[in-house]
Amino acid sequence: MTTLVEPDPAAQPAGNRGLRLPGRRDRGSLQIGVAVLWLSLIVLLPLAAIVWTSAEGGWEAFWSAVTTPSALASFRVTLTISVIVTVVNAVFGLLIAWVLVRDDFPLKRAVDAIIDLPFALPTIVASLVLLSLYGPGSPAGIHIQHTAWGVGLALAFVTLPFVVRAVQPVLLELDHEVEEAAASLGANNLTIFVRVILPALAPALLSGAGLAFSRAIGEFGSIVLIGGAIPGKTEVSSQWIRTLIENDDPVGAAAISIVLLLISFVVLFVLRYLGARAARREATTG
């Protein structure tokens, strides 16, 4: 019988005692360092630059920039249309995701690929397409250029994929046995959807809606042509920022940007918090 003997560290050559291969902890530290560095270059440093620029004139200049009638009007238009578009996309995005996951129909793969088109299409091209369809020479006879309807349609176009792609993977992973059990107990389709399916989809739906809202309040390219930037009517905050830059007011433009960033951060934080609570409640009841 052969006996395995552990090597004696003292018997090893002196030159090898301090040598060890990189372990999992070393690789993890390197990955974290690279991730933090990249995040700083892409996100944190630009945000810090905007904050620094907005603070150059002091608090009074910042407050004055964000409370002018034009700024307040742009905030009102931006938030009103963005909230409406987010709610509409939350409903129809969920419906589209449901159809793509639960139903089979011709050209299903093509429709699934089209959902990502707003991600790949330059936003100015989207504005041009919408203007061609719903502008003065509309083949459908619908003229919504320079109206809030046109701005809302453009924002709905560019934000729809956020909801669909957030909900779709969760729908794919749902356990059908739970739905079948509820149906066997006499629950109708509406009850199954509200009591069984919707609670499981709530975290993903809220996350997708938050991303759609954040994209909507900062959108620029898709509304340039069809919106028209009419003050108090179709001029959103991103277009007011461009006006401030053209008028050589970078401090005011940075101040408006900070307000939009804060609104976006608060909305995302609240929706993520609500989504996490819904997920914990679902895990507990499940």
C-alpha atoms as a PDB file:
ATOM      1  CA  MET A   1       0.000   0.000   0.000  1.00  0.00           C
ATOM      2  CA  THR A   2       1.369   3.355  -1.016  1.00  0.00           C
ATOM      3  CA  THR A   3       1.197   6.237   1.453  1.00  0.00           C
ATOM      4  CA  LEU A   4       0.937   9.764   0.169  1.00  0.00           C
ATOM      5  CA  VAL A   5       3.189  12.177   1.975  1.00  0.00           C
ATOM      6  CA  GLU A   6       2.444  15.895   2.030  1.00  0.00           C
ATOM      7  CA  PRO A   7       5.396  17.943   0.792  1.00  0.00           C
ATOM      8  CA  ASP A   8       7.280  19.756   3.536  1.00  0.00           C
ATOM      9  CA  PRO A   9       7.396  23.525   2.838  1.00  0.00           C
ATOM     10  CA  ALA A  10      10.737  23.679   4.649  1.00  0.00           C
ATOM     11  CA  ALA A  11      12.194  21.128   2.252  1.00  0.00           C
ATOM     12  CA  GLN A  12      11.344  23.196  -0.798  1.00  0.00           C
ATOM     13  CA  PRO A  13      14.010  25.375  -2.382  1.00  0.00           C
ATOM     14  CA  ALA A  14      14.267  28.781  -0.805  1.00  0.00           C
ATOM     15  CA  GLY A  15      13.636  30.508  -4.126  1.00  0.00           C
ATOM     16  CA  ASN A  16      10.184  28.866  -4.490  1.00  0.00           C
ATOM     17  CA  ARG A  17       8.788  29.514  -1.028  1.00  0.00           C
ATOM     18  CA  GLY A  18       7.409  32.963  -1.861  1.00  0.00           C
ATOM     19  CA  LEU A  19       6.068  31.979  -5.275  1.00  0.00           C
ATOM     20  CA  ARG A  20       2.354  31.321  -5.765  1.00  0.00           C
ATOM     21  CA  LEU A  21       0.103  31.359  -8.782  1.00  0.00           C
ATOM     22  CA  PRO A  22      -2.541  34.038  -9.102  1.00  0.00           C
ATOM     23  CA  GLY A  23      -5.669  32.858  -7.330  1.00  0.00           C
ATOM     24  CA  ARG A  24      -9.348  33.636  -7.635  1.00  0.00           C
ATOM     25  CA  ARG A  25      -9.025  36.547  -5.223  1.00  0.00           C
ATOM     26  CA  ASP A  26      -6.317  38.168  -7.362  1.00  0.00           C
ATOM     27  CA  ARG A  27      -8.382  37.789 -10.515  1.00  0.00           C
ATOM     28  CA  GLY A  28     -11.430  39.206  -8.758  1.00  0.00           C
ATOM     29  CA  SER A  29      -9.500  42.254  -7.580  1.00  0.00           C
ATOM     30  CA  LEU A  30      -8.171  42.862 -11.080  1.00  0.00           C
ATOM     31  CA  GLN A  31     -11.649  42.593 -12.595  1.00  0.00           C
ATOM     32  CA  ILE A  32     -13.104  44.980 -10.020  1.00  0.00           C
ATOM     33  CA  GLY A  33     -10.308  47.466 -10.662  1.00  0.00           C
ATOM     34  CA  VAL A  34     -10.838  47.366 -14.430  1.00  0.00           C
ATOM     35  CA  ALA A  35     -14.625  47.710 -14.019  1.00  0.00           C
ATOM     36  CA  VAL A  36     -14.283  50.699 -11.686  1.00  0.00           C
ATOM     37  CA  LEU A  37     -11.763  52.361 -13.998  1.00  0.00           C
ATOM     38  CA  TRP A  38     -13.980  51.934 -17.040  1.00  0.00           C
ATOM     39  CA  LEU A  39     -17.066  53.114 -15.142  1.00  0.00           C
ATOM     40  CA  SER A  40     -15.162  56.183 -13.997  1.00  0.00           C
ATOM     41  CA  LEU A  41     -14.024  57.070 -17.521  1.00  0.00           C
ATOM     42  CA  ILE A  42     -17.403  56.520 -19.152  1.00  0.00           C
ATOM     43  CA  VAL A  43     -19.869  57.637 -16.458  1.00  0.00           C
ATOM     44  CA  LEU A  44     -18.443  59.175 -13.308  1.00  0.00           C
ATOM     45  CA  LEU A  45     -15.985  61.655 -14.821  1.00  0.00           C
ATOM     46  CA  PRO A  46     -18.494  63.077 -17.349  1.00  0.00           C
ATOM     47  CA  LEU A  47     -21.077  63.426 -14.577  1.00  0.00           C
ATOM     48  CA  ALA A  48     -18.526  65.142 -12.375  1.00  0.00           C
ATOM     49  CA  ALA A  49     -17.680  67.533 -15.226  1.00  0.00           C
ATOM     50  CA  ILE A  50     -21.362  68.460 -15.637  1.00  0.00           C
ATOM     51  CA  VAL A  51     -21.759  69.054 -11.915  1.00  0.00           C
ATOM     52  CA  TRP A  52     -18.601  71.186 -11.872  1.00  0.00           C
ATOM     53  CA  THR A  53     -19.798  73.267 -14.822  1.00  0.00           C
ATOM     54  CA  SER A  54     -23.233  73.817 -13.300  1.00  0.00           C
ATOM     55  CA  ALA A  55     -21.640  75.007 -10.054  1.00  0.00           C
ATOM     56  CA  GLU A  56     -19.368  77.586 -11.660  1.00  0.00           C
ATOM     57  CA  GLY A  57     -21.879  80.398 -11.208  1.00  0.00           C
ATOM     58  CA  GLY A  58     -22.880  79.399  -7.695  1.00  0.00           C
ATOM     59  CA  TRP A  59     -26.255  78.395  -6.315  1.00  0.00           C
ATOM     60  CA  GLU A  60     -28.005  81.584  -7.433  1.00  0.00           C
ATOM     61  CA  ALA A  61     -26.978  81.094 -11.047  1.00  0.00           C
ATOM     62  CA  PHE A  62     -28.032  77.443 -10.908  1.00  0.00           C
ATOM     63  CA  TRP A  63     -31.438  78.268  -9.440  1.00  0.00           C
ATOM     64  CA  SER A  64     -31.958  81.100 -11.876  1.00  0.00           C
ATOM     65  CA  ALA A  65     -31.198  78.819 -14.833  1.00  0.00           C
ATOM     66  CA  VAL A  66     -33.620  76.077 -13.809  1.00  0.00           C
ATOM     67  CA  THR A  67     -36.497  78.395 -12.830  1.00  0.00           C
ATOM     68  CA  THR A  68     -36.735  80.612 -15.895  1.00  0.00           C
ATOM     69  CA  PRO A  69     -40.128  80.456 -17.648  1.00  0.00           C
ATOM     70  CA  SER A  70     -38.569  78.711 -20.643  1.00  0.00           C
ATOM     71  CA  ALA A  71     -36.864  76.098 -18.458  1.00  0.00           C
ATOM     72  CA  LEU A  72     -40.019  75.406 -16.448  1.00  0.00           C
ATOM     73  CA  ALA A  73     -42.057  75.133 -19.639  1.00  0.00           C
ATOM     74  CA  SER A  74     -39.573  72.637 -21.083  1.00  0.00           C
ATOM     75  CA  PHE A  75     -39.696  70.588 -17.852  1.00  0.00           C
ATOM     76  CA  ARG A  76     -43.487  70.555 -17.970  1.00  0.00           C
ATOM     77  CA  VAL A  77     -43.606  69.407 -21.585  1.00  0.00           C
ATOM     78  CA  THR A  78     -40.858  66.828 -21.059  1.00  0.00           C
ATOM     79  CA  LEU A  79     -42.264  65.250 -17.909  1.00  0.00           C
ATOM     80  CA  THR A  80     -45.890  65.256 -19.037  1.00  0.00           C
ATOM     81  CA  ILE A  81     -45.231  63.566 -22.361  1.00  0.00           C
ATOM     82  CA  SER A  82     -42.615  61.203 -20.904  1.00  0.00           C
ATOM     83  CA  VAL A  83     -44.937  59.966 -18.155  1.00  0.00           C
ATOM     84  CA  ILE A  84     -47.771  59.349 -20.620  1.00  0.00           C
ATOM     85  CA  VAL A  85     -45.456  57.578 -23.058  1.00  0.00           C
ATOM     86  CA  THR A  86     -44.011  55.422 -20.267  1.00  0.00           C
ATOM     87  CA  VAL A  87     -47.444  54.289 -19.118  1.00  0.00           C
ATOM     88  CA  VAL A  88     -48.552  53.545 -22.689  1.00  0.00           C
ATOM     89  CA  ASN A  89     -45.363  51.614 -23.429  1.00  0.00           C
ATOM     90  CA  ALA A  90     -45.646  49.680 -20.175  1.00  0.00           C
ATOM     91  CA  VAL A  91     -49.057  48.408 -21.292  1.00  0.00           C
ATOM     92  CA  PHE A  92     -48.302  47.763 -24.942  1.00  0.00           C
ATOM     93  CA  GLY A  93     -44.752  46.582 -24.260  1.00  0.00           C
ATOM     94  CA  LEU A  94     -46.145  43.934 -21.926  1.00  0.00           C
ATOM     95  CA  LEU A  95     -48.722  42.977 -24.556  1.00  0.00           C
ATOM     96  CA  ILE A  96     -46.088  42.669 -27.289  1.00  0.00           C
ATOM     97  CA  ALA A  97     -43.782  40.632 -25.061  1.00  0.00           C
ATOM     98  CA  TRP A  98     -46.686  38.335 -24.208  1.00  0.00           C
ATOM     99  CA  VAL A  99     -47.535  37.774 -27.878  1.00  0.00           C
ATOM    100  CA  LEU A 100     -43.896  37.099 -28.772  1.00  0.00           C
ATOM    101  CA  VAL A 101     -43.508  34.535 -25.985  1.00  0.00           C
ATOM    102  CA  ARG A 102     -46.899  32.827 -25.761  1.00  0.00           C
ATOM    103  CA  ASP A 103     -48.196  32.926 -29.357  1.00  0.00           C
ATOM    104  CA  ASP A 104     -46.986  31.482 -32.639  1.00  0.00           C
ATOM    105  CA  PHE A 105     -47.656  33.320 -35.884  1.00  0.00           C
ATOM    106  CA  PRO A 106     -46.012  33.803 -39.291  1.00  0.00           C
ATOM    107  CA  LEU A 107     -42.914  36.023 -39.360  1.00  0.00           C
ATOM    108  CA  LYS A 108     -42.594  35.873 -35.593  1.00  0.00           C
ATOM    109  CA  ARG A 109     -38.793  36.031 -35.767  1.00  0.00           C
ATOM    110  CA  ALA A 110     -38.958  39.066 -38.036  1.00  0.00           C
ATOM    111  CA  VAL A 111     -41.273  40.879 -35.645  1.00  0.00           C
ATOM    112  CA  ASP A 112     -38.991  39.971 -32.736  1.00  0.00           C
ATOM    113  CA  ALA A 113     -36.028  41.464 -34.619  1.00  0.00           C
ATOM    114  CA  ILE A 114     -37.964  44.628 -35.507  1.00  0.00           C
ATOM    115  CA  ILE A 115     -38.421  45.350 -31.790  1.00  0.00           C
ATOM    116  CA  ASP A 116     -34.703  46.144 -31.571  1.00  0.00           C
ATOM    117  CA  LEU A 117     -34.806  48.491 -34.566  1.00  0.00           C
ATOM    118  CA  PRO A 118     -35.043  51.684 -32.455  1.00  0.00           C
ATOM    119  CA  PHE A 119     -31.808  50.635 -30.730  1.00  0.00           C
ATOM    120  CA  ALA A 120     -29.942  50.338 -34.019  1.00  0.00           C
ATOM    121  CA  LEU A 121     -31.585  53.125 -36.019  1.00  0.00           C
ATOM    122  CA  PRO A 122     -30.044  56.613 -35.661  1.00  0.00           C
ATOM    123  CA  THR A 123     -32.593  58.751 -33.851  1.00  0.00           C
ATOM    124  CA  ILE A 124     -32.470  61.522 -36.444  1.00  0.00           C
ATOM    125  CA  VAL A 125     -33.454  58.924 -39.047  1.00  0.00           C
ATOM    126  CA  ALA A 126     -36.407  57.964 -36.860  1.00  0.00           C
ATOM    127  CA  SER A 127     -37.465  61.615 -36.788  1.00  0.00           C
ATOM    128  CA  LEU A 128     -37.185  61.807 -40.573  1.00  0.00           C
ATOM    129  CA  VAL A 129     -39.252  58.643 -41.013  1.00  0.00           C
ATOM    130  CA  LEU A 130     -41.946  59.907 -38.668  1.00  0.00           C
ATOM    131  CA  LEU A 131     -41.987  63.248 -40.460  1.00  0.00           C
ATOM    132  CA  SER A 132     -42.441  61.477 -43.801  1.00  0.00           C
ATOM    133  CA  LEU A 133     -45.341  59.444 -42.443  1.00  0.00           C
ATOM    134  CA  TYR A 134     -47.087  62.055 -40.322  1.00  0.00           C
ATOM    135  CA  GLY A 135     -45.839  65.376 -41.680  1.00  0.00           C
ATOM    136  CA  PRO A 136     -47.436  67.770 -44.183  1.00  0.00           C
ATOM    137  CA  GLY A 137     -47.174  65.237 -47.019  1.00  0.00           C
ATOM    138  CA  SER A 138     -48.416  62.286 -44.959  1.00  0.00           C
ATOM    139  CA  PRO A 139     -49.559  59.372 -47.147  1.00  0.00           C
ATOM    140  CA  ALA A 140     -51.993  58.465 -44.371  1.00  0.00           C
ATOM    141  CA  GLY A 141     -53.460  61.946 -44.204  1.00  0.00           C
ATOM    142  CA  ILE A 142     -52.312  62.394 -40.590  1.00  0.00           C
ATOM    143  CA  HIS A 143     -50.481  65.630 -39.789  1.00  0.00           C
ATOM    144  CA  ILE A 144     -48.982  65.761 -36.281  1.00  0.00           C
ATOM    145  CA  GLN A 145     -45.800  67.722 -36.952  1.00  0.00           C
ATOM    146  CA  HIS A 146     -45.127  70.436 -34.363  1.00  0.00           C
ATOM    147  CA  THR A 147     -47.639  68.893 -31.963  1.00  0.00           C
ATOM    148  CA  ALA A 148     -47.368  67.098 -28.637  1.00  0.00           C
ATOM    149  CA  TRP A 149     -48.774  64.015 -30.383  1.00  0.00           C
ATOM    150  CA  GLY A 150     -45.762  63.978 -32.694  1.00  0.00           C
ATOM    151  CA  VAL A 151     -43.331  64.266 -29.788  1.00  0.00           C
ATOM    152  CA  GLY A 152     -45.140  61.488 -27.920  1.00  0.00           C
ATOM    153  CA  LEU A 153     -45.085  59.214 -30.965  1.00  0.00           C
ATOM    154  CA  ALA A 154     -41.353  59.763 -31.413  1.00  0.00           C
ATOM    155  CA  LEU A 155     -40.662  59.021 -27.745  1.00  0.00           C
ATOM    156  CA  ALA A 156     -42.874  55.940 -27.837  1.00  0.00           C
ATOM    157  CA  PHE A 157     -40.922  54.662 -30.845  1.00  0.00           C
ATOM    158  CA  VAL A 158     -37.498  54.930 -29.211  1.00  0.00           C
ATOM    159  CA  THR A 159     -38.528  53.664 -25.751  1.00  0.00           C
ATOM    160  CA  LEU A 160     -40.746  50.677 -26.572  1.00  0.00           C
ATOM    161  CA  PRO A 161     -37.883  48.109 -26.719  1.00  0.00           C
ATOM    162  CA  PHE A 162     -36.879  48.808 -23.110  1.00  0.00           C
ATOM    163  CA  VAL A 163     -40.138  47.411 -21.761  1.00  0.00           C
ATOM    164  CA  VAL A 164     -40.385  44.507 -24.208  1.00  0.00           C
ATOM    165  CA  ARG A 165     -36.820  43.306 -23.658  1.00  0.00           C
ATOM    166  CA  ALA A 166     -37.123  43.649 -19.880  1.00  0.00           C
ATOM    167  CA  VAL A 167     -40.331  41.592 -19.649  1.00  0.00           C
ATOM    168  CA  GLN A 168     -39.676  38.992 -22.343  1.00  0.00           C
ATOM    169  CA  PRO A 169     -36.990  36.907 -20.525  1.00  0.00           C
ATOM    170  CA  VAL A 170     -39.102  36.749 -17.364  1.00  0.00           C
ATOM    171  CA  LEU A 171     -42.104  35.524 -19.345  1.00  0.00           C
ATOM    172  CA  LEU A 172     -39.946  32.805 -20.849  1.00  0.00           C
ATOM    173  CA  GLU A 173     -38.926  31.576 -17.388  1.00  0.00           C
ATOM    174  CA  LEU A 174     -42.388  31.573 -15.812  1.00  0.00           C
ATOM    175  CA  ASP A 175     -43.574  28.209 -14.532  1.00  0.00           C
ATOM    176  CA  HIS A 176     -46.675  27.172 -16.482  1.00  0.00           C
ATOM    177  CA  GLU A 177     -47.580  24.616 -13.823  1.00  0.00           C
ATOM    178  CA  VAL A 178     -48.595  27.394 -11.438  1.00  0.00           C
ATOM    179  CA  GLU A 179     -50.972  28.822 -14.040  1.00  0.00           C
ATOM    180  CA  GLU A 180     -52.387  25.371 -14.733  1.00  0.00           C
ATOM    181  CA  ALA A 181     -52.890  24.790 -11.013  1.00  0.00           C
ATOM    182  CA  ALA A 182     -54.757  28.087 -10.684  1.00  0.00           C
ATOM    183  CA  ALA A 183     -56.922  27.195 -13.691  1.00  0.00           C
ATOM    184  CA  SER A 184     -57.713  23.789 -12.208  1.00  0.00           C
ATOM    185  CA  LEU A 185     -58.942  25.544  -9.057  1.00  0.00           C
ATOM    186  CA  GLY A 186     -61.439  27.522 -11.123  1.00  0.00           C
ATOM    187  CA  ALA A 187     -59.570  30.790 -11.715  1.00  0.00           C
ATOM    188  CA  ASN A 188     -60.368  32.523 -14.988  1.00  0.00           C
ATOM    189  CA  ASN A 189     -57.758  34.011 -17.328  1.00  0.00           C
ATOM    190  CA  LEU A 190     -57.993  37.514 -15.860  1.00  0.00           C
ATOM    191  CA  THR A 191     -57.562  36.244 -12.315  1.00  0.00           C
ATOM    192  CA  ILE A 192     -54.583  34.117 -13.321  1.00  0.00           C
ATOM    193  CA  PHE A 193     -52.955  37.071 -15.008  1.00  0.00           C
ATOM    194  CA  VAL A 194     -53.554  39.512 -12.145  1.00  0.00           C
ATOM    195  CA  ARG A 195     -52.840  37.157  -9.236  1.00  0.00           C
ATOM    196  CA  VAL A 196     -50.187  34.831 -10.679  1.00  0.00           C
ATOM    197  CA  ILE A 197     -48.451  36.291 -13.727  1.00  0.00           C
ATOM    198  CA  LEU A 198     -48.408  40.038 -13.081  1.00  0.00           C
ATOM    199  CA  PRO A 199     -46.740  39.839  -9.633  1.00  0.00           C
ATOM    200  CA  ALA A 200     -43.917  37.792 -11.143  1.00  0.00           C
ATOM    201  CA  LEU A 201     -43.530  40.288 -13.994  1.00  0.00           C
ATOM    202  CA  ALA A 202     -43.753  43.407 -11.802  1.00  0.00           C
ATOM    203  CA  PRO A 203     -39.985  43.813 -11.088  1.00  0.00           C
ATOM    204  CA  ALA A 204     -39.036  43.490 -14.760  1.00  0.00           C
ATOM    205  CA  LEU A 205     -41.938  45.669 -15.878  1.00  0.00           C
ATOM    206  CA  LEU A 206     -41.012  48.441 -13.437  1.00  0.00           C
ATOM    207  CA  SER A 207     -37.359  48.234 -14.450  1.00  0.00           C
ATOM    208  CA  GLY A 208     -38.206  48.486 -18.149  1.00  0.00           C
ATOM    209  CA  ALA A 209     -40.605  51.371 -17.502  1.00  0.00           C
ATOM    210  CA  GLY A 210     -37.920  53.216 -15.535  1.00  0.00           C
ATOM    211  CA  LEU A 211     -35.413  52.837 -18.348  1.00  0.00           C
ATOM    212  CA  ALA A 212     -38.013  53.976 -20.885  1.00  0.00           C
ATOM    213  CA  PHE A 213     -38.815  57.072 -18.817  1.00  0.00           C
ATOM    214  CA  SER A 214     -35.149  57.962 -18.369  1.00  0.00           C
ATOM    215  CA  ARG A 215     -34.559  57.649 -22.097  1.00  0.00           C
ATOM    216  CA  ALA A 216     -37.659  59.734 -22.867  1.00  0.00           C
ATOM    217  CA  ILE A 217     -36.733  62.740 -20.719  1.00  0.00           C
ATOM    218  CA  GLY A 218     -33.304  62.936 -22.350  1.00  0.00           C
ATOM    219  CA  GLU A 219     -34.280  62.169 -25.949  1.00  0.00           C
ATOM    220  CA  PHE A 220     -33.273  64.643 -28.624  1.00  0.00           C
ATOM    221  CA  GLY A 221     -32.669  63.239 -32.104  1.00  0.00           C
ATOM    222  CA  SER A 222     -36.024  61.567 -32.761  1.00  0.00           C
ATOM    223  CA  ILE A 223     -38.036  64.719 -31.973  1.00  0.00           C
ATOM    224  CA  VAL A 224     -35.922  67.313 -33.778  1.00  0.00           C
ATOM    225  CA  LEU A 225     -37.875  67.296 -37.030  1.00  0.00           C
ATOM    226  CA  ILE A 226     -41.334  66.240 -35.976  1.00  0.00           C
ATOM    227  CA  GLY A 227     -41.416  68.226 -32.726  1.00  0.00           C
ATOM    228  CA  GLY A 228     -40.380  71.624 -33.957  1.00  0.00           C
ATOM    229  CA  ALA A 229     -39.237  72.923 -30.538  1.00  0.00           C
ATOM    230  CA  ILE A 230     -42.181  75.272 -30.082  1.00  0.00           C
ATOM    231  CA  PRO A 231     -41.739  76.918 -26.646  1.00  0.00           C
ATOM    232  CA  GLY A 232     -44.327  75.790 -24.128  1.00  0.00           C
ATOM    233  CA  LYS A 233     -45.811  73.295 -26.568  1.00  0.00           C
ATOM    234  CA  THR A 234     -43.296  70.870 -28.060  1.00  0.00           C
ATOM    235  CA  GLU A 235     -39.926  72.133 -26.808  1.00  0.00           C
ATOM    236  CA  VAL A 236     -38.502  69.505 -24.475  1.00  0.00           C
ATOM    237  CA  SER A 237     -35.640  70.078 -22.056  1.00  0.00           C
ATOM    238  CA  SER A 238     -32.987  68.560 -24.318  1.00  0.00           C
ATOM    239  CA  GLN A 239     -33.881  71.097 -27.010  1.00  0.00           C
ATOM    240  CA  TRP A 240     -33.779  73.922 -24.466  1.00  0.00           C
ATOM    241  CA  ILE A 241     -30.285  72.750 -23.499  1.00  0.00           C
ATOM    242  CA  ARG A 242     -29.229  73.041 -27.137  1.00  0.00           C
ATOM    243  CA  THR A 243     -30.643  76.572 -27.235  1.00  0.00           C
ATOM    244  CA  LEU A 244     -28.655  77.528 -24.144  1.00  0.00           C
ATOM    245  CA  ILE A 245     -25.447  76.146 -25.655  1.00  0.00           C
ATOM    246  CA  GLU A 246     -26.054  78.025 -28.901  1.00  0.00           C
ATOM    247  CA  ASN A 247     -26.523  81.189 -26.831  1.00  0.00           C
ATOM    248  CA  ASP A 248     -23.159  80.609 -25.113  1.00  0.00           C
ATOM    249  CA  ASP A 249     -24.630  79.660 -21.735  1.00  0.00           C
ATOM    250  CA  PRO A 250     -22.912  76.381 -20.769  1.00  0.00           C
ATOM    251  CA  VAL A 251     -23.622  76.929 -17.069  1.00  0.00           C
ATOM    252  CA  GLY A 252     -27.367  77.115 -17.697  1.00  0.00           C
ATOM    253  CA  ALA A 253     -27.238  74.093 -19.996  1.00  0.00           C
ATOM    254  CA  ALA A 254     -25.351  72.114 -17.345  1.00  0.00           C
ATOM    255  CA  ALA A 255     -27.887  73.150 -14.713  1.00  0.00           C
ATOM    256  CA  ILE A 256     -30.806  71.863 -16.813  1.00  0.00           C
ATOM    257  CA  SER A 257     -28.855  68.649 -17.401  1.00  0.00           C
ATOM    258  CA  ILE A 258     -28.353  68.159 -13.666  1.00  0.00           C
ATOM    259  CA  VAL A 259     -32.088  68.486 -13.058  1.00  0.00           C
ATOM    260  CA  LEU A 260     -32.831  65.849 -15.710  1.00  0.00           C
ATOM    261  CA  LEU A 261     -30.181  63.556 -14.220  1.00  0.00           C
ATOM    262  CA  LEU A 262     -31.649  63.922 -10.741  1.00  0.00           C
ATOM    263  CA  ILE A 263     -35.165  63.228 -11.981  1.00  0.00           C
ATOM    264  CA  SER A 264     -33.982  60.169 -13.888  1.00  0.00           C
ATOM    265  CA  PHE A 265     -31.988  58.871 -10.911  1.00  0.00           C
ATOM    266  CA  VAL A 266     -34.880  59.318  -8.472  1.00  0.00           C
ATOM    267  CA  VAL A 267     -37.365  57.600 -10.793  1.00  0.00           C
ATOM    268  CA  LEU A 268     -35.010  54.683 -11.443  1.00  0.00           C
ATOM    269  CA  PHE A 269     -34.228  54.342  -7.734  1.00  0.00           C
ATOM    270  CA  VAL A 270     -37.894  54.351  -6.717  1.00  0.00           C
ATOM    271  CA  LEU A 271     -38.944  51.888  -9.417  1.00  0.00           C
ATOM    272  CA  ARG A 272     -36.015  49.568  -8.666  1.00  0.00           C
ATOM    273  CA  TYR A 273     -36.934  49.715  -4.965  1.00  0.00           C
ATOM    274  CA  LEU A 274     -40.558  48.896  -5.712  1.00  0.00           C
ATOM    275  CA  GLY A 275     -39.452  46.120  -8.049  1.00  0.00           C
ATOM    276  CA  ALA A 276     -37.174  44.631  -5.386  1.00  0.00           C
ATOM    277  CA  ARG A 277     -39.997  44.737  -2.849  1.00  0.00           C
ATOM    278  CA  ALA A 278     -42.315  43.031  -5.326  1.00  0.00           C
ATOM    279  CA  ALA A 279     -39.695  40.369  -6.011  1.00  0.00           C
ATOM    280  CA  ARG A 280     -39.210  39.687  -2.277  1.00  0.00           C
ATOM    281  CA  ARG A 281     -42.967  39.507  -1.749  1.00  0.00           C
ATOM    282  CA  GLU A 282     -43.296  37.093  -4.668  1.00  0.00           C
ATOM    283  CA  ALA A 283     -40.467  34.939  -3.319  1.00  0.00           C
ATOM    284  CA  THR A 284     -42.078  34.875   0.129  1.00  0.00           C
ATOM    285  CA  THR A 285     -45.561  34.000  -1.067  1.00  0.00           C
ATOM    286  CA  GLY A 286     -44.157  31.549  -3.612  1.00  0.00           C
END
